[in-house]
mmCIF file of all heavy atoms, coordinates in Angstrom:
data_MODEL
# 
_entry.id   MODEL 
# 
loop_
_atom_site.group_PDB 
_atom_site.id 
_atom_site.type_symbol 
_atom_site.label_atom_id 
_atom_site.label_alt_id 
_atom_site.label_comp_id 
_atom_site.label_asym_id 
_atom_site.label_entity_id 
_atom_site.label_seq_id 
_atom_site.pdbx_PDB_ins_code 
_atom_site.Cartn_x 
_atom_site.Cartn_y 
_atom_site.Cartn_z 
_atom_site.occupancy 
_atom_site.B_iso_or_equiv 
_atom_site.pdbx_formal_charge 
_atom_site.auth_seq_id 
_atom_site.auth_comp_id 
_atom_site.auth_asym_id 
_atom_site.auth_atom_id 
_atom_site.pdbx_PDB_model_num 
ATOM 1   N N   . GLU A 1 1  ? -1.777  -8.577  8.305  1.00 0.00 ? 1  GLU A N   1 
ATOM 2   C CA  . GLU A 1 1  ? -3.164  -8.371  7.886  1.00 0.00 ? 1  GLU A CA  1 
ATOM 3   C C   . GLU A 1 1  ? -3.995  -9.631  8.140  1.00 0.00 ? 1  GLU A C   1 
ATOM 4   O O   . GLU A 1 1  ? -3.472  -10.748 8.102  1.00 0.00 ? 1  GLU A O   1 
ATOM 5   C CB  . GLU A 1 1  ? -3.255  -8.041  6.394  1.00 0.00 ? 1  GLU A CB  1 
ATOM 6   C CG  . GLU A 1 1  ? -2.474  -6.823  5.950  1.00 0.00 ? 1  GLU A CG  1 
ATOM 7   C CD  . GLU A 1 1  ? -1.168  -7.195  5.297  1.00 0.00 ? 1  GLU A CD  1 
ATOM 8   O OE1 . GLU A 1 1  ? -0.614  -8.273  5.632  1.00 0.00 ? 1  GLU A OE1 1 
ATOM 9   O OE2 . GLU A 1 1  ? -0.676  -6.423  4.450  1.00 0.00 ? 1  GLU A OE2 1 
ATOM 10  N N   . SER A 1 2  ? -5.273  -9.423  8.347  1.00 0.00 ? 2  SER A N   1 
ATOM 11  C CA  . SER A 1 2  ? -6.210  -10.535 8.485  1.00 0.00 ? 2  SER A CA  1 
ATOM 12  C C   . SER A 1 2  ? -7.596  -10.055 8.088  1.00 0.00 ? 2  SER A C   1 
ATOM 13  O O   . SER A 1 2  ? -7.824  -8.844  7.951  1.00 0.00 ? 2  SER A O   1 
ATOM 14  C CB  . SER A 1 2  ? -6.230  -11.081 9.912  1.00 0.00 ? 2  SER A CB  1 
ATOM 15  O OG  . SER A 1 2  ? -6.636  -10.073 10.820 1.00 0.00 ? 2  SER A OG  1 
ATOM 16  N N   . GLY A 1 3  ? -8.503  -11.009 7.903  1.00 0.00 ? 3  GLY A N   1 
ATOM 17  C CA  . GLY A 1 3  ? -9.888  -10.657 7.631  1.00 0.00 ? 3  GLY A CA  1 
ATOM 18  C C   . GLY A 1 3  ? -10.339 -10.827 6.193  1.00 0.00 ? 3  GLY A C   1 
ATOM 19  O O   . GLY A 1 3  ? -11.512 -10.642 5.878  1.00 0.00 ? 3  GLY A O   1 
ATOM 20  N N   . GLY A 1 4  ? -9.409  -11.155 5.317  1.00 0.00 ? 4  GLY A N   1 
ATOM 21  C CA  . GLY A 1 4  ? -9.802  -11.363 3.928  1.00 0.00 ? 4  GLY A CA  1 
ATOM 22  C C   . GLY A 1 4  ? -10.603 -12.639 3.767  1.00 0.00 ? 4  GLY A C   1 
ATOM 23  O O   . GLY A 1 4  ? -10.750 -13.428 4.692  1.00 0.00 ? 4  GLY A O   1 
ATOM 24  N N   . GLY A 1 5  ? -11.144 -12.821 2.558  1.00 0.00 ? 5  GLY A N   1 
ATOM 25  C CA  . GLY A 1 5  ? -11.922 -14.022 2.297  1.00 0.00 ? 5  GLY A CA  1 
ATOM 26  C C   . GLY A 1 5  ? -12.739 -13.900 1.041  1.00 0.00 ? 5  GLY A C   1 
ATOM 27  O O   . GLY A 1 5  ? -12.543 -12.976 0.240  1.00 0.00 ? 5  GLY A O   1 
ATOM 28  N N   . LEU A 1 6  ? -13.650 -14.844 0.883  1.00 0.00 ? 6  LEU A N   1 
ATOM 29  C CA  . LEU A 1 6  ? -14.553 -14.879 -0.269 1.00 0.00 ? 6  LEU A CA  1 
ATOM 30  C C   . LEU A 1 6  ? -15.923 -14.399 0.174  1.00 0.00 ? 6  LEU A C   1 
ATOM 31  O O   . LEU A 1 6  ? -16.465 -14.886 1.177  1.00 0.00 ? 6  LEU A O   1 
ATOM 32  C CB  . LEU A 1 6  ? -14.641 -16.302 -0.806 1.00 0.00 ? 6  LEU A CB  1 
ATOM 33  C CG  . LEU A 1 6  ? -15.662 -16.571 -1.915 1.00 0.00 ? 6  LEU A CG  1 
ATOM 34  C CD1 . LEU A 1 6  ? -15.315 -15.771 -3.159 1.00 0.00 ? 6  LEU A CD1 1 
ATOM 35  C CD2 . LEU A 1 6  ? -15.718 -18.066 -2.220 1.00 0.00 ? 6  LEU A CD2 1 
ATOM 36  N N   . VAL A 1 7  ? -16.492 -13.467 -0.575 1.00 0.00 ? 7  VAL A N   1 
ATOM 37  C CA  . VAL A 1 7  ? -17.787 -12.910 -0.220 1.00 0.00 ? 7  VAL A CA  1 
ATOM 38  C C   . VAL A 1 7  ? -18.559 -12.628 -1.506 1.00 0.00 ? 7  VAL A C   1 
ATOM 39  O O   . VAL A 1 7  ? -17.957 -12.376 -2.556 1.00 0.00 ? 7  VAL A O   1 
ATOM 40  C CB  . VAL A 1 7  ? -17.615 -11.621 0.620  1.00 0.00 ? 7  VAL A CB  1 
ATOM 41  C CG1 . VAL A 1 7  ? -16.943 -10.531 -0.178 1.00 0.00 ? 7  VAL A CG1 1 
ATOM 42  C CG2 . VAL A 1 7  ? -18.930 -11.150 1.199  1.00 0.00 ? 7  VAL A CG2 1 
ATOM 43  N N   . GLN A 1 8  ? -19.865 -12.686 -1.424 1.00 0.00 ? 8  GLN A N   1 
ATOM 44  C CA  . GLN A 1 8  ? -20.691 -12.361 -2.588 1.00 0.00 ? 8  GLN A CA  1 
ATOM 45  C C   . GLN A 1 8  ? -20.795 -10.851 -2.761 1.00 0.00 ? 8  GLN A C   1 
ATOM 46  O O   . GLN A 1 8  ? -20.652 -10.090 -1.796 1.00 0.00 ? 8  GLN A O   1 
ATOM 47  C CB  . GLN A 1 8  ? -22.091 -12.953 -2.405 1.00 0.00 ? 8  GLN A CB  1 
ATOM 48  C CG  . GLN A 1 8  ? -22.148 -14.459 -2.555 1.00 0.00 ? 8  GLN A CG  1 
ATOM 49  C CD  . GLN A 1 8  ? -23.563 -14.987 -2.575 1.00 0.00 ? 8  GLN A CD  1 
ATOM 50  O OE1 . GLN A 1 8  ? -24.461 -14.407 -1.970 1.00 0.00 ? 8  GLN A OE1 1 
ATOM 51  N NE2 . GLN A 1 8  ? -23.790 -16.094 -3.277 1.00 0.00 ? 8  GLN A NE2 1 
ATOM 52  N N   . ALA A 1 9  ? -21.064 -10.447 -3.974 1.00 0.00 ? 9  ALA A N   1 
ATOM 53  C CA  . ALA A 1 9  ? -21.262 -9.029  -4.252 1.00 0.00 ? 9  ALA A CA  1 
ATOM 54  C C   . ALA A 1 9  ? -22.357 -8.479  -3.351 1.00 0.00 ? 9  ALA A C   1 
ATOM 55  O O   . ALA A 1 9  ? -23.385 -9.119  -3.139 1.00 0.00 ? 9  ALA A O   1 
ATOM 56  C CB  . ALA A 1 9  ? -21.624 -8.834  -5.717 1.00 0.00 ? 9  ALA A CB  1 
ATOM 57  N N   . GLY A 1 10 ? -22.097 -7.287  -2.819 1.00 0.00 ? 10 GLY A N   1 
ATOM 58  C CA  . GLY A 1 10 ? -23.015 -6.671  -1.877 1.00 0.00 ? 10 GLY A CA  1 
ATOM 59  C C   . GLY A 1 10 ? -22.698 -6.976  -0.429 1.00 0.00 ? 10 GLY A C   1 
ATOM 60  O O   . GLY A 1 10 ? -23.274 -6.349  0.474  1.00 0.00 ? 10 GLY A O   1 
ATOM 61  N N   . GLY A 1 11 ? -21.811 -7.918  -0.199 1.00 0.00 ? 11 GLY A N   1 
ATOM 62  C CA  . GLY A 1 11 ? -21.453 -8.313  1.150  1.00 0.00 ? 11 GLY A CA  1 
ATOM 63  C C   . GLY A 1 11 ? -20.407 -7.405  1.772  1.00 0.00 ? 11 GLY A C   1 
ATOM 64  O O   . GLY A 1 11 ? -20.009 -6.391  1.188  1.00 0.00 ? 11 GLY A O   1 
ATOM 65  N N   . SER A 1 12 ? -19.973 -7.780  2.972  1.00 0.00 ? 12 SER A N   1 
ATOM 66  C CA  . SER A 1 12 ? -19.027 -6.972  3.744  1.00 0.00 ? 12 SER A CA  1 
ATOM 67  C C   . SER A 1 12 ? -17.887 -7.821  4.278  1.00 0.00 ? 12 SER A C   1 
ATOM 68  O O   . SER A 1 12 ? -18.048 -9.022  4.524  1.00 0.00 ? 12 SER A O   1 
ATOM 69  C CB  . SER A 1 12 ? -19.740 -6.310  4.926  1.00 0.00 ? 12 SER A CB  1 
ATOM 70  O OG  . SER A 1 12 ? -20.758 -5.441  4.501  1.00 0.00 ? 12 SER A OG  1 
ATOM 71  N N   . LEU A 1 13 ? -16.763 -7.172  4.453  1.00 0.00 ? 13 LEU A N   1 
ATOM 72  C CA  . LEU A 1 13 ? -15.607 -7.759  5.129  1.00 0.00 ? 13 LEU A CA  1 
ATOM 73  C C   . LEU A 1 13 ? -14.930 -6.669  5.945  1.00 0.00 ? 13 LEU A C   1 
ATOM 74  O O   . LEU A 1 13 ? -15.009 -5.489  5.595  1.00 0.00 ? 13 LEU A O   1 
ATOM 75  C CB  . LEU A 1 13 ? -14.598 -8.329  4.128  1.00 0.00 ? 13 LEU A CB  1 
ATOM 76  C CG  . LEU A 1 13 ? -14.923 -9.655  3.433  1.00 0.00 ? 13 LEU A CG  1 
ATOM 77  C CD1 . LEU A 1 13 ? -13.868 -9.941  2.364  1.00 0.00 ? 13 LEU A CD1 1 
ATOM 78  C CD2 . LEU A 1 13 ? -14.995 -10.802 4.428  1.00 0.00 ? 13 LEU A CD2 1 
ATOM 79  N N   . ARG A 1 14 ? -14.245 -7.080  7.004  1.00 0.00 ? 14 ARG A N   1 
ATOM 80  C CA  . ARG A 1 14 ? -13.467 -6.145  7.803  1.00 0.00 ? 14 ARG A CA  1 
ATOM 81  C C   . ARG A 1 14 ? -12.030 -6.631  7.869  1.00 0.00 ? 14 ARG A C   1 
ATOM 82  O O   . ARG A 1 14 ? -11.760 -7.703  8.428  1.00 0.00 ? 14 ARG A O   1 
ATOM 83  C CB  . ARG A 1 14 ? -14.030 -6.035  9.215  1.00 0.00 ? 14 ARG A CB  1 
ATOM 84  C CG  . ARG A 1 14 ? -13.390 -4.950  10.056 1.00 0.00 ? 14 ARG A CG  1 
ATOM 85  C CD  . ARG A 1 14 ? -13.737 -5.135  11.507 1.00 0.00 ? 14 ARG A CD  1 
ATOM 86  N NE  . ARG A 1 14 ? -13.431 -3.974  12.322 1.00 0.00 ? 14 ARG A NE  1 
ATOM 87  C CZ  . ARG A 1 14 ? -13.201 -4.027  13.634 1.00 0.00 ? 14 ARG A CZ  1 
ATOM 88  N NH1 . ARG A 1 14 ? -13.273 -5.186  14.266 1.00 0.00 ? 14 ARG A NH1 1 
ATOM 89  N NH2 . ARG A 1 14 ? -12.951 -2.931  14.317 1.00 0.00 ? 14 ARG A NH2 1 
ATOM 90  N N   . LEU A 1 15 ? -11.140 -5.854  7.297  1.00 0.00 ? 15 LEU A N   1 
ATOM 91  C CA  . LEU A 1 15 ? -9.722  -6.180  7.337  1.00 0.00 ? 15 LEU A CA  1 
ATOM 92  C C   . LEU A 1 15 ? -9.081  -5.547  8.567  1.00 0.00 ? 15 LEU A C   1 
ATOM 93  O O   . LEU A 1 15 ? -9.450  -4.446  8.966  1.00 0.00 ? 15 LEU A O   1 
ATOM 94  C CB  . LEU A 1 15 ? -9.014  -5.691  6.081  1.00 0.00 ? 15 LEU A CB  1 
ATOM 95  C CG  . LEU A 1 15 ? -9.581  -6.165  4.742  1.00 0.00 ? 15 LEU A CG  1 
ATOM 96  C CD1 . LEU A 1 15 ? -8.681  -5.650  3.598  1.00 0.00 ? 15 LEU A CD1 1 
ATOM 97  C CD2 . LEU A 1 15 ? -9.730  -7.654  4.684  1.00 0.00 ? 15 LEU A CD2 1 
ATOM 98  N N   . SER A 1 16 ? -8.118  -6.256  9.132  1.00 0.00 ? 16 SER A N   1 
ATOM 99  C CA  . SER A 1 16 ? -7.347  -5.741  10.257 1.00 0.00 ? 16 SER A CA  1 
ATOM 100 C C   . SER A 1 16 ? -5.869  -5.775  9.909  1.00 0.00 ? 16 SER A C   1 
ATOM 101 O O   . SER A 1 16 ? -5.421  -6.655  9.181  1.00 0.00 ? 16 SER A O   1 
ATOM 102 C CB  . SER A 1 16 ? -7.587  -6.581  11.512 1.00 0.00 ? 16 SER A CB  1 
ATOM 103 O OG  . SER A 1 16 ? -8.940  -6.573  11.898 1.00 0.00 ? 16 SER A OG  1 
ATOM 104 N N   . CYS A 1 17 ? -5.139  -4.817  10.456 1.00 0.00 ? 17 CYS A N   1 
ATOM 105 C CA  . CYS A 1 17 ? -3.681  -4.787  10.299 1.00 0.00 ? 17 CYS A CA  1 
ATOM 106 C C   . CYS A 1 17 ? -3.081  -4.489  11.660 1.00 0.00 ? 17 CYS A C   1 
ATOM 107 O O   . CYS A 1 17 ? -3.196  -3.366  12.165 1.00 0.00 ? 17 CYS A O   1 
ATOM 108 C CB  . CYS A 1 17 ? -3.276  -3.735  9.289  1.00 0.00 ? 17 CYS A CB  1 
ATOM 109 S SG  . CYS A 1 17 ? -1.486  -3.500  9.155  1.00 0.00 ? 17 CYS A SG  1 
ATOM 110 N N   . ALA A 1 18 ? -2.463  -5.501  12.236 1.00 0.00 ? 18 ALA A N   1 
ATOM 111 C CA  . ALA A 1 18 ? -1.853  -5.351  13.551 1.00 0.00 ? 18 ALA A CA  1 
ATOM 112 C C   . ALA A 1 18 ? -0.367  -5.082  13.399 1.00 0.00 ? 18 ALA A C   1 
ATOM 113 O O   . ALA A 1 18 ? 0.349   -5.851  12.748 1.00 0.00 ? 18 ALA A O   1 
ATOM 114 C CB  . ALA A 1 18 ? -2.083  -6.609  14.374 1.00 0.00 ? 18 ALA A CB  1 
ATOM 115 N N   . ALA A 1 19 ? 0.090   -3.996  14.013 1.00 0.00 ? 19 ALA A N   1 
ATOM 116 C CA  . ALA A 1 19 ? 1.494   -3.617  13.946 1.00 0.00 ? 19 ALA A CA  1 
ATOM 117 C C   . ALA A 1 19 ? 2.211   -4.034  15.225 1.00 0.00 ? 19 ALA A C   1 
ATOM 118 O O   . ALA A 1 19 ? 1.655   -3.918  16.322 1.00 0.00 ? 19 ALA A O   1 
ATOM 119 C CB  . ALA A 1 19 ? 1.624   -2.116  13.752 1.00 0.00 ? 19 ALA A CB  1 
ATOM 120 N N   . SER A 1 20 ? 3.423   -4.496  15.070 1.00 0.00 ? 20 SER A N   1 
ATOM 121 C CA  . SER A 1 20 ? 4.255   -4.846  16.224 1.00 0.00 ? 20 SER A CA  1 
ATOM 122 C C   . SER A 1 20 ? 5.669   -4.382  15.979 1.00 0.00 ? 20 SER A C   1 
ATOM 123 O O   . SER A 1 20 ? 6.069   -4.141  14.843 1.00 0.00 ? 20 SER A O   1 
ATOM 124 C CB  . SER A 1 20 ? 4.216   -6.356  16.474 1.00 0.00 ? 20 SER A CB  1 
ATOM 125 O OG  . SER A 1 20 ? 4.738   -7.052  15.358 1.00 0.00 ? 20 SER A OG  1 
ATOM 126 N N   . GLY A 1 21 ? 6.418   -4.240  17.049 1.00 0.00 ? 21 GLY A N   1 
ATOM 127 C CA  . GLY A 1 21 ? 7.804   -3.824  16.928 1.00 0.00 ? 21 GLY A CA  1 
ATOM 128 C C   . GLY A 1 21 ? 8.027   -2.342  17.163 1.00 0.00 ? 21 GLY A C   1 
ATOM 129 O O   . GLY A 1 21 ? 9.139   -1.924  17.456 1.00 0.00 ? 21 GLY A O   1 
ATOM 130 N N   . ARG A 1 22 ? 6.991   -1.541  17.001 1.00 0.00 ? 22 ARG A N   1 
ATOM 131 C CA  . ARG A 1 22 ? 7.030   -0.116  17.304 1.00 0.00 ? 22 ARG A CA  1 
ATOM 132 C C   . ARG A 1 22 ? 5.602   0.404   17.238 1.00 0.00 ? 22 ARG A C   1 
ATOM 133 O O   . ARG A 1 22 ? 4.703   -0.253  16.707 1.00 0.00 ? 22 ARG A O   1 
ATOM 134 C CB  . ARG A 1 22 ? 7.911   0.671   16.340 1.00 0.00 ? 22 ARG A CB  1 
ATOM 135 C CG  . ARG A 1 22 ? 7.499   0.566   14.879 1.00 0.00 ? 22 ARG A CG  1 
ATOM 136 C CD  . ARG A 1 22 ? 8.101   1.671   14.025 1.00 0.00 ? 22 ARG A CD  1 
ATOM 137 N NE  . ARG A 1 22 ? 7.418   2.946   14.247 1.00 0.00 ? 22 ARG A NE  1 
ATOM 138 C CZ  . ARG A 1 22 ? 7.740   4.050   13.607 1.00 0.00 ? 22 ARG A CZ  1 
ATOM 139 N NH1 . ARG A 1 22 ? 8.752   4.054   12.745 1.00 0.00 ? 22 ARG A NH1 1 
ATOM 140 N NH2 . ARG A 1 22 ? 7.076   5.172   13.819 1.00 0.00 ? 22 ARG A NH2 1 
ATOM 141 N N   . THR A 1 23 ? 5.405   1.595   17.745 1.00 0.00 ? 23 THR A N   1 
ATOM 142 C CA  . THR A 1 23 ? 4.094   2.213   17.641 1.00 0.00 ? 23 THR A CA  1 
ATOM 143 C C   . THR A 1 23 ? 4.099   3.206   16.484 1.00 0.00 ? 23 THR A C   1 
ATOM 144 O O   . THR A 1 23 ? 5.157   3.711   16.074 1.00 0.00 ? 23 THR A O   1 
ATOM 145 C CB  . THR A 1 23 ? 3.703   2.938   18.933 1.00 0.00 ? 23 THR A CB  1 
ATOM 146 O OG1 . THR A 1 23 ? 4.631   4.009   19.152 1.00 0.00 ? 23 THR A OG1 1 
ATOM 147 C CG2 . THR A 1 23 ? 3.729   1.991   20.118 1.00 0.00 ? 23 THR A CG2 1 
ATOM 148 N N   . PHE A 1 24 ? 2.915   3.478   15.975 1.00 0.00 ? 24 PHE A N   1 
ATOM 149 C CA  . PHE A 1 24 ? 2.761   4.443   14.896 1.00 0.00 ? 24 PHE A CA  1 
ATOM 150 C C   . PHE A 1 24 ? 1.849   5.577   15.339 1.00 0.00 ? 24 PHE A C   1 
ATOM 151 O O   . PHE A 1 24 ? 1.100   6.128   14.535 1.00 0.00 ? 24 PHE A O   1 
ATOM 152 C CB  . PHE A 1 24 ? 2.206   3.738   13.655 1.00 0.00 ? 24 PHE A CB  1 
ATOM 153 C CG  . PHE A 1 24 ? 3.159   2.721   13.088 1.00 0.00 ? 24 PHE A CG  1 
ATOM 154 C CD1 . PHE A 1 24 ? 3.104   1.398   13.464 1.00 0.00 ? 24 PHE A CD1 1 
ATOM 155 C CD2 . PHE A 1 24 ? 4.144   3.110   12.192 1.00 0.00 ? 24 PHE A CD2 1 
ATOM 156 C CE1 . PHE A 1 24 ? 4.000   0.463   12.961 1.00 0.00 ? 24 PHE A CE1 1 
ATOM 157 C CE2 . PHE A 1 24 ? 5.037   2.188   11.663 1.00 0.00 ? 24 PHE A CE2 1 
ATOM 158 C CZ  . PHE A 1 24 ? 4.967   0.865   12.063 1.00 0.00 ? 24 PHE A CZ  1 
ATOM 159 N N   . SER A 1 25 ? 1.959   5.944   16.612 1.00 0.00 ? 25 SER A N   1 
ATOM 160 C CA  . SER A 1 25 ? 1.018   6.887   17.206 1.00 0.00 ? 25 SER A CA  1 
ATOM 161 C C   . SER A 1 25 ? 1.114   8.287   16.617 1.00 0.00 ? 25 SER A C   1 
ATOM 162 O O   . SER A 1 25 ? 0.205   9.087   16.790 1.00 0.00 ? 25 SER A O   1 
ATOM 163 C CB  . SER A 1 25 ? 1.221   6.946   18.716 1.00 0.00 ? 25 SER A CB  1 
ATOM 164 O OG  . SER A 1 25 ? 2.541   7.358   19.011 1.00 0.00 ? 25 SER A OG  1 
ATOM 165 N N   . LYS A 1 26 ? 2.207   8.633   15.955 1.00 0.00 ? 26 LYS A N   1 
ATOM 166 C CA  . LYS A 1 26 ? 2.326   9.948   15.330 1.00 0.00 ? 26 LYS A CA  1 
ATOM 167 C C   . LYS A 1 26 ? 2.532   9.835   13.832 1.00 0.00 ? 26 LYS A C   1 
ATOM 168 O O   . LYS A 1 26 ? 2.995   10.765  13.176 1.00 0.00 ? 26 LYS A O   1 
ATOM 169 C CB  . LYS A 1 26 ? 3.480   10.724  15.964 1.00 0.00 ? 26 LYS A CB  1 
ATOM 170 C CG  . LYS A 1 26 ? 3.266   11.045  17.427 1.00 0.00 ? 26 LYS A CG  1 
ATOM 171 C CD  . LYS A 1 26 ? 4.410   11.859  17.976 1.00 0.00 ? 26 LYS A CD  1 
ATOM 172 C CE  . LYS A 1 26 ? 4.190   12.200  19.444 1.00 0.00 ? 26 LYS A CE  1 
ATOM 173 N NZ  . LYS A 1 26 ? 5.300   13.008  19.996 1.00 0.00 ? 26 LYS A NZ  1 
ATOM 174 N N   . SER A 1 27 ? 2.160   8.700   13.294 1.00 0.00 ? 27 SER A N   1 
ATOM 175 C CA  . SER A 1 27 ? 2.456   8.418   11.895 1.00 0.00 ? 27 SER A CA  1 
ATOM 176 C C   . SER A 1 27 ? 1.168   8.297   11.087 1.00 0.00 ? 27 SER A C   1 
ATOM 177 O O   . SER A 1 27 ? 0.162   8.935   11.396 1.00 0.00 ? 27 SER A O   1 
ATOM 178 C CB  . SER A 1 27 ? 3.285   7.143   11.833 1.00 0.00 ? 27 SER A CB  1 
ATOM 179 O OG  . SER A 1 27 ? 3.717   6.908   10.519 1.00 0.00 ? 27 SER A OG  1 
ATOM 180 N N   . ALA A 1 28 ? 1.215   7.477   10.063 1.00 0.00 ? 28 ALA A N   1 
ATOM 181 C CA  . ALA A 1 28 ? 0.052   7.253   9.207  1.00 0.00 ? 28 ALA A CA  1 
ATOM 182 C C   . ALA A 1 28 ? 0.113   5.831   8.683  1.00 0.00 ? 28 ALA A C   1 
ATOM 183 O O   . ALA A 1 28 ? 1.197   5.261   8.518  1.00 0.00 ? 28 ALA A O   1 
ATOM 184 C CB  . ALA A 1 28 ? 0.028   8.239   8.045  1.00 0.00 ? 28 ALA A CB  1 
# 
């Protein structure tokens, strides 16, 4: 995971989760 941080109320953040080692193309 990445993208976390400190933000003021009303603000925005975008979290990312990069998977490696296999694909999850038919999963969830």
